[in-house]
N, C-alpha and C. Protein backbone atom coordinates (compact mmCIF):
# COMPACT_ATOMS: atom_id res chain seq x y z
N MET A 1 21.40 8.04 -31.46
CA MET A 1 20.52 9.53 -31.50
C MET A 1 20.72 9.78 -32.96
N THR A 2 19.55 10.45 -33.33
CA THR A 2 19.50 11.56 -34.61
C THR A 2 20.37 12.90 -34.03
N ARG A 3 20.92 13.79 -35.03
CA ARG A 3 21.29 15.05 -34.50
C ARG A 3 20.28 15.59 -33.85
N ALA A 4 18.82 15.59 -34.15
CA ALA A 4 17.98 16.87 -33.19
C ALA A 4 18.24 15.99 -32.12
N GLU A 5 18.03 15.18 -31.73
CA GLU A 5 18.35 14.44 -30.23
C GLU A 5 19.60 14.61 -29.34
N VAL A 6 20.70 14.56 -30.44
CA VAL A 6 21.93 14.98 -29.70
C VAL A 6 22.05 16.89 -29.30
N ARG A 7 21.72 17.54 -29.95
CA ARG A 7 21.55 18.96 -30.26
C ARG A 7 20.62 19.16 -29.01
N ARG A 8 19.69 18.60 -28.86
CA ARG A 8 18.22 18.78 -27.80
C ARG A 8 19.19 18.03 -26.31
N ALA A 9 19.84 17.40 -26.45
CA ALA A 9 20.66 16.95 -25.05
C ALA A 9 21.38 17.83 -24.72
N GLU A 10 22.02 18.37 -26.10
CA GLU A 10 23.39 18.81 -25.51
C GLU A 10 22.74 20.25 -24.82
N ARG A 11 21.65 20.90 -25.60
CA ARG A 11 21.22 22.36 -24.81
C ARG A 11 20.64 21.63 -23.36
N GLU A 12 19.83 20.81 -23.20
CA GLU A 12 19.76 20.43 -22.19
C GLU A 12 20.71 20.57 -20.85
N LYS A 13 22.05 19.47 -21.35
CA LYS A 13 23.18 19.95 -20.69
C LYS A 13 23.63 20.97 -20.14
N LYS A 14 23.60 21.86 -21.05
CA LYS A 14 23.86 23.48 -20.91
C LYS A 14 23.26 24.13 -19.51
N ARG A 15 21.74 23.70 -19.84
CA ARG A 15 20.97 24.69 -18.99
C ARG A 15 21.09 23.56 -17.36
N GLY A 16 22.11 22.80 -17.36
CA GLY A 16 22.09 22.00 -16.09
C GLY A 16 20.73 21.06 -15.88
N GLU A 17 20.01 20.48 -17.02
CA GLU A 17 18.82 19.41 -16.60
C GLU A 17 19.30 18.33 -17.18
N ALA A 18 19.29 17.28 -16.97
CA ALA A 18 19.40 15.69 -17.09
C ALA A 18 18.31 15.33 -18.00
N VAL A 19 18.74 14.92 -18.96
CA VAL A 19 17.65 14.08 -20.16
C VAL A 19 17.61 12.60 -20.15
N TYR A 20 16.61 11.89 -19.66
CA TYR A 20 16.43 10.59 -19.58
C TYR A 20 15.60 9.88 -20.70
N HIS A 21 15.92 9.06 -21.30
CA HIS A 21 15.41 8.44 -22.34
C HIS A 21 14.91 7.21 -22.18
N ILE A 22 13.79 7.03 -21.57
CA ILE A 22 13.14 5.60 -21.16
C ILE A 22 12.20 5.29 -22.18
N SER A 23 11.57 3.87 -22.19
CA SER A 23 10.72 3.38 -22.80
C SER A 23 9.27 3.49 -22.09
N THR A 24 8.08 3.55 -22.49
CA THR A 24 7.02 3.61 -21.77
C THR A 24 6.72 2.40 -20.97
N ALA A 25 7.62 0.78 -21.37
CA ALA A 25 7.34 -0.16 -20.23
C ALA A 25 8.04 -0.14 -19.11
N GLU A 26 9.44 0.91 -19.53
CA GLU A 26 10.59 0.96 -18.34
C GLU A 26 9.54 2.33 -16.95
N LEU A 27 8.77 3.14 -17.99
CA LEU A 27 8.17 3.91 -17.18
C LEU A 27 6.78 3.16 -16.59
N GLU A 28 6.24 2.49 -16.83
CA GLU A 28 4.95 1.35 -16.51
C GLU A 28 5.45 0.80 -15.21
N LYS A 29 6.90 0.14 -15.31
CA LYS A 29 7.54 -0.39 -14.30
C LYS A 29 7.76 0.19 -13.27
N ILE A 30 8.36 1.36 -12.99
CA ILE A 30 8.87 2.47 -12.25
C ILE A 30 7.75 2.44 -11.43
N LYS A 31 6.46 3.16 -12.41
CA LYS A 31 5.26 3.40 -11.67
C LYS A 31 5.03 2.26 -10.65
N MET A 32 4.56 1.03 -11.24
CA MET A 32 4.40 -0.18 -10.47
C MET A 32 4.77 -0.48 -9.13
N ASP A 33 6.21 -0.18 -9.39
CA ASP A 33 7.16 -0.50 -8.27
C ASP A 33 7.12 0.75 -7.16
N VAL A 34 6.84 1.77 -7.62
CA VAL A 34 6.51 2.93 -6.46
C VAL A 34 5.14 2.78 -6.24
N THR A 35 4.13 2.51 -6.76
CA THR A 35 2.89 2.21 -6.03
C THR A 35 3.09 1.06 -5.36
N GLN A 36 3.36 0.17 -5.50
CA GLN A 36 3.64 -1.21 -4.60
C GLN A 36 4.75 -1.01 -3.42
N ASP A 37 5.47 0.03 -3.31
CA ASP A 37 6.31 0.50 -2.24
C ASP A 37 5.45 1.51 -1.50
N ALA A 38 4.38 2.14 -2.18
CA ALA A 38 3.59 3.03 -1.21
C ALA A 38 2.30 1.88 -0.71
N VAL A 39 2.01 1.30 -1.19
CA VAL A 39 0.80 0.29 -0.33
C VAL A 39 1.54 -0.33 0.44
N ASN A 40 2.91 -1.05 0.39
CA ASN A 40 3.60 -1.76 1.40
C ASN A 40 3.82 -1.04 2.93
N LYS A 41 4.03 0.52 2.24
CA LYS A 41 4.00 1.12 3.31
C LYS A 41 3.11 1.40 4.20
N ALA A 42 1.93 1.65 3.66
CA ALA A 42 0.56 1.70 4.00
C ALA A 42 -0.01 0.81 5.04
N ILE A 43 0.44 -0.72 4.87
CA ILE A 43 -0.19 -1.63 5.13
C ILE A 43 0.98 -1.63 6.42
N ASP A 44 2.25 -1.65 6.30
CA ASP A 44 2.93 -1.40 7.45
C ASP A 44 2.42 -0.92 8.64
N ILE A 45 1.76 0.54 8.15
CA ILE A 45 1.54 1.63 9.16
C ILE A 45 0.31 0.98 9.67
N ALA A 46 -0.83 0.47 8.93
CA ALA A 46 -2.08 0.19 9.25
C ALA A 46 -1.79 -1.06 10.25
N LEU A 47 -0.88 -1.96 9.57
CA LEU A 47 -0.98 -2.93 11.05
C LEU A 47 -0.15 -2.63 12.33
N ALA A 48 1.07 -2.07 12.41
CA ALA A 48 1.91 -1.24 13.17
C ALA A 48 0.91 -0.67 14.50
N LEU A 49 -0.09 0.09 13.97
CA LEU A 49 -0.91 0.87 15.23
C LEU A 49 -1.52 0.16 15.97
N PRO A 50 -2.48 -0.85 15.64
CA PRO A 50 -3.37 -1.51 16.13
C PRO A 50 -2.54 -2.30 16.97
N ILE A 51 -1.35 -3.01 16.21
CA ILE A 51 -0.69 -4.26 17.26
C ILE A 51 -0.02 -3.33 18.07
N LEU A 52 0.61 -2.15 18.45
CA LEU A 52 1.23 -1.52 19.51
C LEU A 52 0.09 -1.05 20.09
N ALA A 53 -0.81 -0.93 19.90
CA ALA A 53 -1.97 -0.31 20.94
C ALA A 53 -2.38 -1.38 21.51
N ILE A 54 -2.77 -2.25 21.03
CA ILE A 54 -2.96 -3.88 21.61
C ILE A 54 -2.09 -4.25 22.67
N ARG A 55 -0.58 -4.32 22.31
CA ARG A 55 0.41 -4.32 22.72
C ARG A 55 0.48 -3.80 24.44
N ASP A 56 0.08 -2.32 24.01
CA ASP A 56 0.00 -1.57 25.39
C ASP A 56 -0.62 -1.45 26.58
N GLU A 57 -2.04 -1.79 25.39
CA GLU A 57 -3.41 -1.49 26.37
C GLU A 57 -3.62 -2.79 27.01
N PHE A 58 -3.50 -3.78 26.39
CA PHE A 58 -3.59 -4.95 26.96
C PHE A 58 -2.74 -6.30 27.62
N LYS A 59 -1.30 -5.76 26.90
CA LYS A 59 -0.18 -6.45 27.91
C LYS A 59 -0.07 -7.57 26.69
N PHE A 60 -0.81 -7.89 25.57
CA PHE A 60 -0.61 -9.34 24.43
C PHE A 60 0.99 -9.16 24.58
N GLY A 61 1.29 -10.32 24.06
CA GLY A 61 3.08 -10.40 24.21
C GLY A 61 2.86 -11.10 22.74
N GLU A 62 3.93 -11.83 22.45
CA GLU A 62 4.29 -12.11 21.13
C GLU A 62 3.50 -13.34 20.42
N VAL A 63 3.31 -14.09 21.46
CA VAL A 63 2.41 -15.22 21.14
C VAL A 63 1.32 -14.45 20.48
N ARG A 64 0.41 -13.78 21.45
CA ARG A 64 -0.90 -13.39 20.96
C ARG A 64 -1.19 -12.10 19.76
N LEU A 65 -0.08 -11.51 19.81
CA LEU A 65 0.06 -10.51 18.77
C LEU A 65 -0.02 -11.39 17.28
N GLN A 66 1.10 -12.58 17.53
CA GLN A 66 1.71 -13.30 16.14
C GLN A 66 -0.11 -14.09 15.63
N ARG A 67 -0.92 -14.23 16.72
CA ARG A 67 -2.48 -14.82 16.55
C ARG A 67 -3.13 -13.80 15.86
N VAL A 68 -2.79 -12.57 16.10
CA VAL A 68 -4.02 -11.30 15.61
C VAL A 68 -3.69 -11.24 14.59
N LEU A 69 -2.07 -11.11 13.98
CA LEU A 69 -1.28 -11.09 12.27
C LEU A 69 -1.66 -12.26 11.62
N ASP A 70 -1.99 -13.12 12.31
CA ASP A 70 -2.38 -14.40 11.42
C ASP A 70 -3.87 -14.55 11.26
N ARG A 71 -4.30 -13.76 11.92
CA ARG A 71 -6.08 -13.90 11.65
C ARG A 71 -6.03 -12.70 10.47
N VAL A 72 -5.12 -11.75 10.74
CA VAL A 72 -5.42 -10.51 9.87
C VAL A 72 -4.81 -11.00 8.31
N ALA A 73 -4.26 -11.98 8.39
CA ALA A 73 -3.75 -12.57 7.30
C ALA A 73 -4.72 -13.78 6.41
N ASP A 74 -5.54 -14.35 7.10
CA ASP A 74 -6.83 -14.70 6.64
C ASP A 74 -7.37 -13.75 6.16
N LEU A 75 -8.08 -12.78 6.81
CA LEU A 75 -8.93 -12.03 6.55
C LEU A 75 -8.82 -11.25 4.91
N LYS A 76 -7.22 -11.27 4.56
CA LYS A 76 -6.65 -10.67 3.72
C LYS A 76 -6.84 -11.79 2.65
N ASP A 77 -6.32 -12.80 2.71
CA ASP A 77 -6.93 -13.57 1.69
C ASP A 77 -8.30 -14.09 1.41
N SER A 78 -9.00 -13.90 2.49
CA SER A 78 -10.24 -14.18 1.98
C SER A 78 -10.76 -13.29 1.24
N MET A 79 -10.26 -11.86 1.35
CA MET A 79 -10.65 -10.71 0.49
C MET A 79 -10.11 -11.03 -0.96
N LYS A 80 -8.55 -11.31 -0.93
CA LYS A 80 -8.09 -11.83 -2.11
C LYS A 80 -8.77 -12.44 -3.38
N ARG A 81 -9.09 -13.39 -2.74
CA ARG A 81 -10.26 -14.88 -3.19
C ARG A 81 -11.48 -14.23 -3.12
N GLY A 82 -12.19 -13.24 -2.67
CA GLY A 82 -13.42 -12.76 -3.64
C GLY A 82 -14.16 -13.30 -2.30
N TYR A 83 -13.95 -13.94 -1.50
CA TYR A 83 -14.74 -14.11 -0.28
C TYR A 83 -15.44 -13.32 0.07
N VAL A 84 -15.00 -12.35 0.59
CA VAL A 84 -15.45 -11.28 1.48
C VAL A 84 -14.98 -9.93 0.65
N SER A 85 -15.70 -8.85 1.03
CA SER A 85 -15.72 -7.30 0.67
C SER A 85 -15.06 -6.68 1.38
N LEU A 86 -14.42 -5.70 1.56
CA LEU A 86 -14.12 -4.68 2.43
C LEU A 86 -15.48 -3.77 3.08
N ASP A 87 -16.26 -4.15 2.23
CA ASP A 87 -17.63 -3.76 2.53
C ASP A 87 -18.31 -4.60 3.60
N ASP A 88 -18.24 -5.84 3.20
CA ASP A 88 -18.66 -7.14 4.43
C ASP A 88 -18.23 -6.91 5.51
N LEU A 89 -16.52 -6.77 5.56
CA LEU A 89 -16.16 -6.40 7.07
C LEU A 89 -16.46 -5.65 7.78
N LEU A 90 -16.36 -3.99 7.20
CA LEU A 90 -17.32 -3.22 7.76
C LEU A 90 -18.05 -3.22 8.17
N ASP A 91 -18.94 -3.70 7.20
CA ASP A 91 -20.85 -4.01 8.08
C ASP A 91 -20.57 -4.78 8.93
N THR A 92 -19.72 -6.01 8.80
CA THR A 92 -19.96 -6.96 10.39
C THR A 92 -19.46 -6.24 11.06
N LEU A 93 -18.08 -5.38 11.65
CA LEU A 93 -17.32 -4.85 12.28
C LEU A 93 -18.96 -4.01 13.04
N GLU A 94 -19.40 -3.16 12.32
CA GLU A 94 -20.62 -2.16 12.69
C GLU A 94 -21.35 -2.98 13.38
N GLU A 95 -22.01 -4.02 12.91
CA GLU A 95 -23.45 -4.86 13.27
C GLU A 95 -22.59 -5.20 14.38
N GLU A 96 -21.71 -6.04 14.50
CA GLU A 96 -21.53 -6.47 15.87
C GLU A 96 -20.73 -5.79 16.85
N THR A 97 -20.19 -4.64 16.53
CA THR A 97 -19.76 -4.13 17.63
C THR A 97 -19.97 -2.82 17.85
N GLY A 98 -20.63 -2.18 16.95
CA GLY A 98 -21.36 -0.53 17.11
C GLY A 98 -19.95 0.13 16.35
N ILE A 99 -18.77 -0.31 16.17
CA ILE A 99 -17.84 0.66 15.68
C ILE A 99 -17.89 0.53 13.99
N ARG A 100 -17.63 2.14 13.46
CA ARG A 100 -17.75 2.37 12.28
C ARG A 100 -16.66 2.74 11.60
N LEU A 101 -15.90 1.95 10.93
CA LEU A 101 -14.86 2.85 9.74
C LEU A 101 -14.99 3.22 8.44
N GLY A 102 -14.18 3.52 7.74
CA GLY A 102 -14.31 3.81 6.67
C GLY A 102 -15.38 5.17 6.46
N GLY A 103 -15.42 5.54 5.12
CA GLY A 103 -16.30 6.78 4.33
C GLY A 103 -17.68 6.20 3.97
N ASN A 104 -18.08 6.08 3.36
CA ASN A 104 -19.99 6.11 2.70
C ASN A 104 -19.61 4.80 2.53
N HIS A 105 -19.60 3.48 3.24
CA HIS A 105 -20.10 2.05 2.54
C HIS A 105 -21.36 2.00 3.24
N ASP A 106 -22.51 1.00 2.20
CA ASP A 106 -23.74 0.87 2.77
C ASP A 106 -23.80 -0.16 3.40
């Protein structure tokens, strides 16, 4: 650390504020980790709600619920590979069931 950095750190310490020095790469990794955690939590919520509703309303057990989750995983894989888009899935759902999800898909 240079003298100026040392003085700045000492001033910050006196104010009770912690000073951290991290690289841009470290900051980007932290941002990516936080983003991934948020995505994982959103996926858990998005899956848990309908799975519990299906179990409660239709009395699905572990085997049928696992089949639903497996099918969801297949659809997710198809999206990841570019075979279908979210708009494709939303359009199909609306056309085949009359149920409209999402905001402004065409």
